[in-house]
Amino acid sequence: MDWRRPVVTISELDAPRSVLWQHATSFAGIRAELWPWLDMTTPRGLRARRLDEIAPSAGLGRSVLLLGGLLPVEYDDIVIADLEPGRRFLERSSMLTSVLWEHERVVEDGERGAVRVRDTVRFRLRAVPRHVPGVERLARATVTALFEHRHRRLRHHFGVPETA
């Protein structure tokens, strides 16, 4: 994948920033966004904690991603590289298919009282899958579809602001 072309997904939501931040940093919130396409296991050390309670650069452990909640299809060795509590986190991890996975979520004031959630994802496939024809295009399309799904779930759960 062209590292300079991230997958960016943005939603304006009708919920307080603090509520959206708590959702974004809890494994229950993350899992709710992924469902029913994917589920993910919670690393042992995080079962009773949120992502924003962890010191940046600390490895949080391995999470297994389960297609439909059943079939293991990927893993994520989760590392929070940077954190601005209440506003932003940057996950920089390795996965089975990606030597580098970078996911930044920003929760900030939007327009007309809304709150904007912006996800920016960059990834670099490992050498083996990268050499399969068309796999980078497929990986980008999959990540785009997954984050569009997550944002649909966010909009459904929290609502969208009424337009003026």
C-alpha atoms as a PDB file:
ATOM      1  CA  MET A   1       0.000   0.000   0.000  1.00  0.00           C
ATOM      2  CA  ASP A   2       1.087   3.518  -0.658  1.00  0.00           C
ATOM      3  CA  TRP A   3       1.804   4.622   2.913  1.00  0.00           C
ATOM      4  CA  ARG A   4       1.131   8.254   1.935  1.00  0.00           C
ATOM      5  CA  ARG A   5      -2.516   7.489   1.034  1.00  0.00           C
ATOM      6  CA  PRO A   6      -4.280   6.666   4.296  1.00  0.00           C
ATOM      7  CA  VAL A   7      -7.831   5.403   4.628  1.00  0.00           C
ATOM      8  CA  VAL A   8      -9.740   8.236   6.359  1.00  0.00           C
ATOM      9  CA  THR A   9     -13.286   7.909   7.714  1.00  0.00           C
ATOM     10  CA  ILE A  10     -15.112  10.806   9.407  1.00  0.00           C
ATOM     11  CA  SER A  11     -18.482  11.045  11.143  1.00  0.00           C
ATOM     12  CA  GLU A  12     -20.286  13.889  12.876  1.00  0.00           C
ATOM     13  CA  LEU A  13     -22.122  12.515  15.914  1.00  0.00           C
ATOM     14  CA  ASP A  14     -24.709  13.800  18.352  1.00  0.00           C
ATOM     15  CA  ALA A  15     -23.101  12.831  21.665  1.00  0.00           C
ATOM     16  CA  PRO A  16     -20.810  14.492  24.191  1.00  0.00           C
ATOM     17  CA  ARG A  17     -17.078  14.213  23.504  1.00  0.00           C
ATOM     18  CA  SER A  18     -16.517  12.521  26.858  1.00  0.00           C
ATOM     19  CA  VAL A  19     -19.016   9.756  26.019  1.00  0.00           C
ATOM     20  CA  LEU A  20     -17.506   9.219  22.565  1.00  0.00           C
ATOM     21  CA  TRP A  21     -13.995   9.154  24.038  1.00  0.00           C
ATOM     22  CA  GLN A  22     -14.949   6.584  26.652  1.00  0.00           C
ATOM     23  CA  HIS A  23     -16.545   4.450  23.922  1.00  0.00           C
ATOM     24  CA  ALA A  24     -13.491   4.770  21.657  1.00  0.00           C
ATOM     25  CA  THR A  25     -11.061   3.645  24.346  1.00  0.00           C
ATOM     26  CA  SER A  26     -13.002   0.706  25.794  1.00  0.00           C
ATOM     27  CA  PHE A  27     -12.783  -2.769  24.332  1.00  0.00           C
ATOM     28  CA  ALA A  28     -16.565  -3.054  24.664  1.00  0.00           C
ATOM     29  CA  GLY A  29     -16.916   0.033  22.455  1.00  0.00           C
ATOM     30  CA  ILE A  30     -14.389  -1.198  19.901  1.00  0.00           C
ATOM     31  CA  ARG A  31     -16.037  -4.610  19.750  1.00  0.00           C
ATOM     32  CA  ALA A  32     -19.487  -3.006  19.331  1.00  0.00           C
ATOM     33  CA  GLU A  33     -18.198  -1.062  16.315  1.00  0.00           C
ATOM     34  CA  LEU A  34     -16.725  -4.155  14.673  1.00  0.00           C
ATOM     35  CA  TRP A  35     -19.737  -6.405  15.255  1.00  0.00           C
ATOM     36  CA  PRO A  36     -21.136  -8.425  13.481  1.00  0.00           C
ATOM     37  CA  TRP A  37     -18.387  -8.513  10.867  1.00  0.00           C
ATOM     38  CA  LEU A  38     -15.600  -9.037  13.371  1.00  0.00           C
ATOM     39  CA  ASP A  39     -15.061  -9.563  17.038  1.00  0.00           C
ATOM     40  CA  MET A  40     -11.769  -9.308  18.839  1.00  0.00           C
ATOM     41  CA  THR A  41     -10.388 -10.855  21.950  1.00  0.00           C
ATOM     42  CA  THR A  42      -9.275  -8.585  24.756  1.00  0.00           C
ATOM     43  CA  PRO A  43      -5.640  -8.965  25.833  1.00  0.00           C
ATOM     44  CA  ARG A  44      -5.470 -10.324  29.372  1.00  0.00           C
ATOM     45  CA  GLY A  45      -3.991  -7.164  30.887  1.00  0.00           C
ATOM     46  CA  LEU A  46      -6.770  -4.968  29.463  1.00  0.00           C
ATOM     47  CA  ARG A  47      -9.878  -6.831  30.520  1.00  0.00           C
ATOM     48  CA  ALA A  48     -10.823  -4.275  33.185  1.00  0.00           C
ATOM     49  CA  ARG A  49      -9.039  -1.258  31.674  1.00  0.00           C
ATOM     50  CA  ARG A  50      -9.407   1.182  28.816  1.00  0.00           C
ATOM     51  CA  LEU A  51      -6.797   2.117  26.211  1.00  0.00           C
ATOM     52  CA  ASP A  52      -6.376   5.590  27.678  1.00  0.00           C
ATOM     53  CA  GLU A  53      -5.342   4.108  31.037  1.00  0.00           C
ATOM     54  CA  ILE A  54      -2.173   2.660  29.520  1.00  0.00           C
ATOM     55  CA  ALA A  55       1.154   4.475  29.202  1.00  0.00           C
ATOM     56  CA  PRO A  56       2.010   5.228  25.563  1.00  0.00           C
ATOM     57  CA  SER A  57       4.520   2.892  23.898  1.00  0.00           C
ATOM     58  CA  ALA A  58       3.512   0.020  26.156  1.00  0.00           C
ATOM     59  CA  GLY A  59       2.659  -3.204  24.395  1.00  0.00           C
ATOM     60  CA  LEU A  60      -0.862  -4.143  25.411  1.00  0.00           C
ATOM     61  CA  GLY A  61      -0.795  -7.738  24.213  1.00  0.00           C
ATOM     62  CA  ARG A  62      -2.215  -9.711  21.354  1.00  0.00           C
ATOM     63  CA  SER A  63      -5.820  -9.550  20.256  1.00  0.00           C
ATOM     64  CA  VAL A  64      -7.240 -12.108  17.833  1.00  0.00           C
ATOM     65  CA  LEU A  65      -9.750 -10.863  15.259  1.00  0.00           C
ATOM     66  CA  LEU A  66     -12.597 -13.300  14.669  1.00  0.00           C
ATOM     67  CA  LEU A  67     -14.653 -13.219  11.471  1.00  0.00           C
ATOM     68  CA  GLY A  68     -18.308 -13.312  12.507  1.00  0.00           C
ATOM     69  CA  GLY A  69     -17.142 -13.780  16.089  1.00  0.00           C
ATOM     70  CA  LEU A  70     -15.955 -17.331  15.349  1.00  0.00           C
ATOM     71  CA  LEU A  71     -13.201 -17.772  12.767  1.00  0.00           C
ATOM     72  CA  PRO A  72      -9.722 -16.404  13.618  1.00  0.00           C
ATOM     73  CA  VAL A  73      -8.564 -14.368  10.600  1.00  0.00           C
ATOM     74  CA  GLU A  74      -5.990 -11.909  11.947  1.00  0.00           C
ATOM     75  CA  TYR A  75      -4.170 -10.848  15.072  1.00  0.00           C
ATOM     76  CA  ASP A  76      -3.102  -7.463  16.350  1.00  0.00           C
ATOM     77  CA  ASP A  77      -0.141  -6.944  18.702  1.00  0.00           C
ATOM     78  CA  ILE A  78      -1.561  -3.734  20.125  1.00  0.00           C
ATOM     79  CA  VAL A  79       0.725  -0.815  20.989  1.00  0.00           C
ATOM     80  CA  ILE A  80      -0.569   2.667  21.843  1.00  0.00           C
ATOM     81  CA  ALA A  81       2.197   4.889  20.454  1.00  0.00           C
ATOM     82  CA  ASP A  82       0.721   8.252  21.425  1.00  0.00           C
ATOM     83  CA  LEU A  83      -2.176   9.451  23.535  1.00  0.00           C
ATOM     84  CA  GLU A  84      -3.907  12.759  24.173  1.00  0.00           C
ATOM     85  CA  PRO A  85      -6.527  11.789  26.780  1.00  0.00           C
ATOM     86  CA  GLY A  86     -10.023  12.874  25.847  1.00  0.00           C
ATOM     87  CA  ARG A  87      -9.020  13.671  22.261  1.00  0.00           C
ATOM     88  CA  ARG A  88      -6.697  11.299  20.384  1.00  0.00           C
ATOM     89  CA  PHE A  89      -4.900   7.991  20.376  1.00  0.00           C
ATOM     90  CA  LEU A  90      -2.468   6.504  17.906  1.00  0.00           C
ATOM     91  CA  GLU A  91      -2.145   2.745  17.711  1.00  0.00           C
ATOM     92  CA  ARG A  92       1.004   1.538  15.947  1.00  0.00           C
ATOM     93  CA  SER A  93       1.002  -2.249  15.882  1.00  0.00           C
ATOM     94  CA  SER A  94       1.991  -5.269  13.894  1.00  0.00           C
ATOM     95  CA  MET A  95      -0.452  -7.812  12.551  1.00  0.00           C
ATOM     96  CA  LEU A  96      -0.365 -11.173  10.833  1.00  0.00           C
ATOM     97  CA  THR A  97      -0.752  -9.553   7.389  1.00  0.00           C
ATOM     98  CA  SER A  98       0.829  -6.151   8.092  1.00  0.00           C
ATOM     99  CA  VAL A  99       4.303  -5.411   9.311  1.00  0.00           C
ATOM    100  CA  LEU A 100       2.926  -2.058  10.398  1.00  0.00           C
ATOM    101  CA  TRP A 101      -0.658  -1.046  11.207  1.00  0.00           C
ATOM    102  CA  GLU A 102      -1.279   2.543  12.264  1.00  0.00           C
ATOM    103  CA  HIS A 103      -4.716   3.646  13.428  1.00  0.00           C
ATOM    104  CA  GLU A 104      -5.307   7.143  14.720  1.00  0.00           C
ATOM    105  CA  ARG A 105      -8.661   8.124  16.199  1.00  0.00           C
ATOM    106  CA  VAL A 106      -9.406  11.766  16.938  1.00  0.00           C
ATOM    107  CA  VAL A 107     -12.512  12.914  18.810  1.00  0.00           C
ATOM    108  CA  GLU A 108     -12.980  16.683  18.422  1.00  0.00           C
ATOM    109  CA  ASP A 109     -15.552  19.411  18.177  1.00  0.00           C
ATOM    110  CA  GLY A 110     -17.351  19.386  14.854  1.00  0.00           C
ATOM    111  CA  GLU A 111     -19.757  21.833  13.289  1.00  0.00           C
ATOM    112  CA  ARG A 112     -22.933  23.225  14.917  1.00  0.00           C
ATOM    113  CA  GLY A 113     -22.342  21.475  18.242  1.00  0.00           C
ATOM    114  CA  ALA A 114     -21.641  18.053  16.792  1.00  0.00           C
ATOM    115  CA  VAL A 115     -18.636  15.951  17.713  1.00  0.00           C
ATOM    116  CA  ARG A 116     -16.399  14.680  14.919  1.00  0.00           C
ATOM    117  CA  VAL A 117     -14.791  11.247  15.050  1.00  0.00           C
ATOM    118  CA  ARG A 118     -11.990  10.791  12.530  1.00  0.00           C
ATOM    119  CA  ASP A 119     -10.187   7.508  11.925  1.00  0.00           C
ATOM    120  CA  THR A 120      -7.012   7.507   9.856  1.00  0.00           C
ATOM    121  CA  VAL A 121      -5.488   4.138   8.978  1.00  0.00           C
ATOM    122  CA  ARG A 122      -2.186   3.374   7.299  1.00  0.00           C
ATOM    123  CA  PHE A 123      -0.704  -0.059   6.886  1.00  0.00           C
ATOM    124  CA  ARG A 124       2.208  -1.780   5.202  1.00  0.00           C
ATOM    125  CA  LEU A 125       1.589  -5.363   4.148  1.00  0.00           C
ATOM    126  CA  ARG A 126       4.186  -8.003   4.917  1.00  0.00           C
ATOM    127  CA  ALA A 127       6.365  -9.149   2.018  1.00  0.00           C
ATOM    128  CA  VAL A 128       4.535 -12.407   1.274  1.00  0.00           C
ATOM    129  CA  PRO A 129       1.012 -11.049   0.781  1.00  0.00           C
ATOM    130  CA  ARG A 130       2.353  -7.857  -0.828  1.00  0.00           C
ATOM    131  CA  HIS A 131       3.613  -9.860  -3.831  1.00  0.00           C
ATOM    132  CA  VAL A 132       0.231 -11.396  -4.627  1.00  0.00           C
ATOM    133  CA  PRO A 133      -1.271  -9.528  -7.591  1.00  0.00           C
ATOM    134  CA  GLY A 134      -4.094  -7.197  -6.555  1.00  0.00           C
ATOM    135  CA  VAL A 135      -3.728  -7.849  -2.823  1.00  0.00           C
ATOM    136  CA  GLU A 136      -2.863  -4.258  -1.935  1.00  0.00           C
ATOM    137  CA  ARG A 137      -6.009  -3.017  -3.691  1.00  0.00           C
ATOM    138  CA  LEU A 138      -8.045  -5.712  -1.925  1.00  0.00           C
ATOM    139  CA  ALA A 139      -6.507  -4.852   1.471  1.00  0.00           C
ATOM    140  CA  ARG A 140      -7.269  -1.154   1.015  1.00  0.00           C
ATOM    141  CA  ALA A 141     -10.859  -1.914  -0.044  1.00  0.00           C
ATOM    142  CA  THR A 142     -11.289  -4.200   2.982  1.00  0.00           C
ATOM    143  CA  VAL A 143      -9.969  -1.607   5.445  1.00  0.00           C
ATOM    144  CA  THR A 144     -12.143   1.084   3.839  1.00  0.00           C
ATOM    145  CA  ALA A 145     -15.249  -1.122   4.092  1.00  0.00           C
ATOM    146  CA  LEU A 146     -14.444  -2.065   7.703  1.00  0.00           C
ATOM    147  CA  PHE A 147     -14.090   1.539   8.852  1.00  0.00           C
ATOM    148  CA  GLU A 148     -17.192   2.614   6.925  1.00  0.00           C
ATOM    149  CA  HIS A 149     -19.002  -0.192   8.795  1.00  0.00           C
ATOM    150  CA  ARG A 150     -17.602   1.014  12.125  1.00  0.00           C
ATOM    151  CA  HIS A 151     -18.803   4.548  11.434  1.00  0.00           C
ATOM    152  CA  ARG A 152     -22.268   3.331  10.411  1.00  0.00           C
ATOM    153  CA  ARG A 153     -22.421   1.577  13.777  1.00  0.00           C
ATOM    154  CA  LEU A 154     -21.307   4.789  15.525  1.00  0.00           C
ATOM    155  CA  ARG A 155     -23.948   6.868  13.725  1.00  0.00           C
ATOM    156  CA  HIS A 156     -26.635   4.295  14.522  1.00  0.00           C
ATOM    157  CA  HIS A 157     -25.671   4.106  18.196  1.00  0.00           C
ATOM    158  CA  PHE A 158     -25.021   7.798  18.934  1.00  0.00           C
ATOM    159  CA  GLY A 159     -27.107   9.490  16.255  1.00  0.00           C
ATOM    160  CA  VAL A 160     -26.216  12.316  13.946  1.00  0.00           C
ATOM    161  CA  PRO A 161     -26.916  15.991  14.557  1.00  0.00           C
ATOM    162  CA  GLU A 162     -29.991  17.490  12.981  1.00  0.00           C
ATOM    163  CA  THR A 163     -29.172  19.710  10.033  1.00  0.00           C
ATOM    164  CA  ALA A 164     -30.082  23.352  10.338  1.00  0.00           C
END
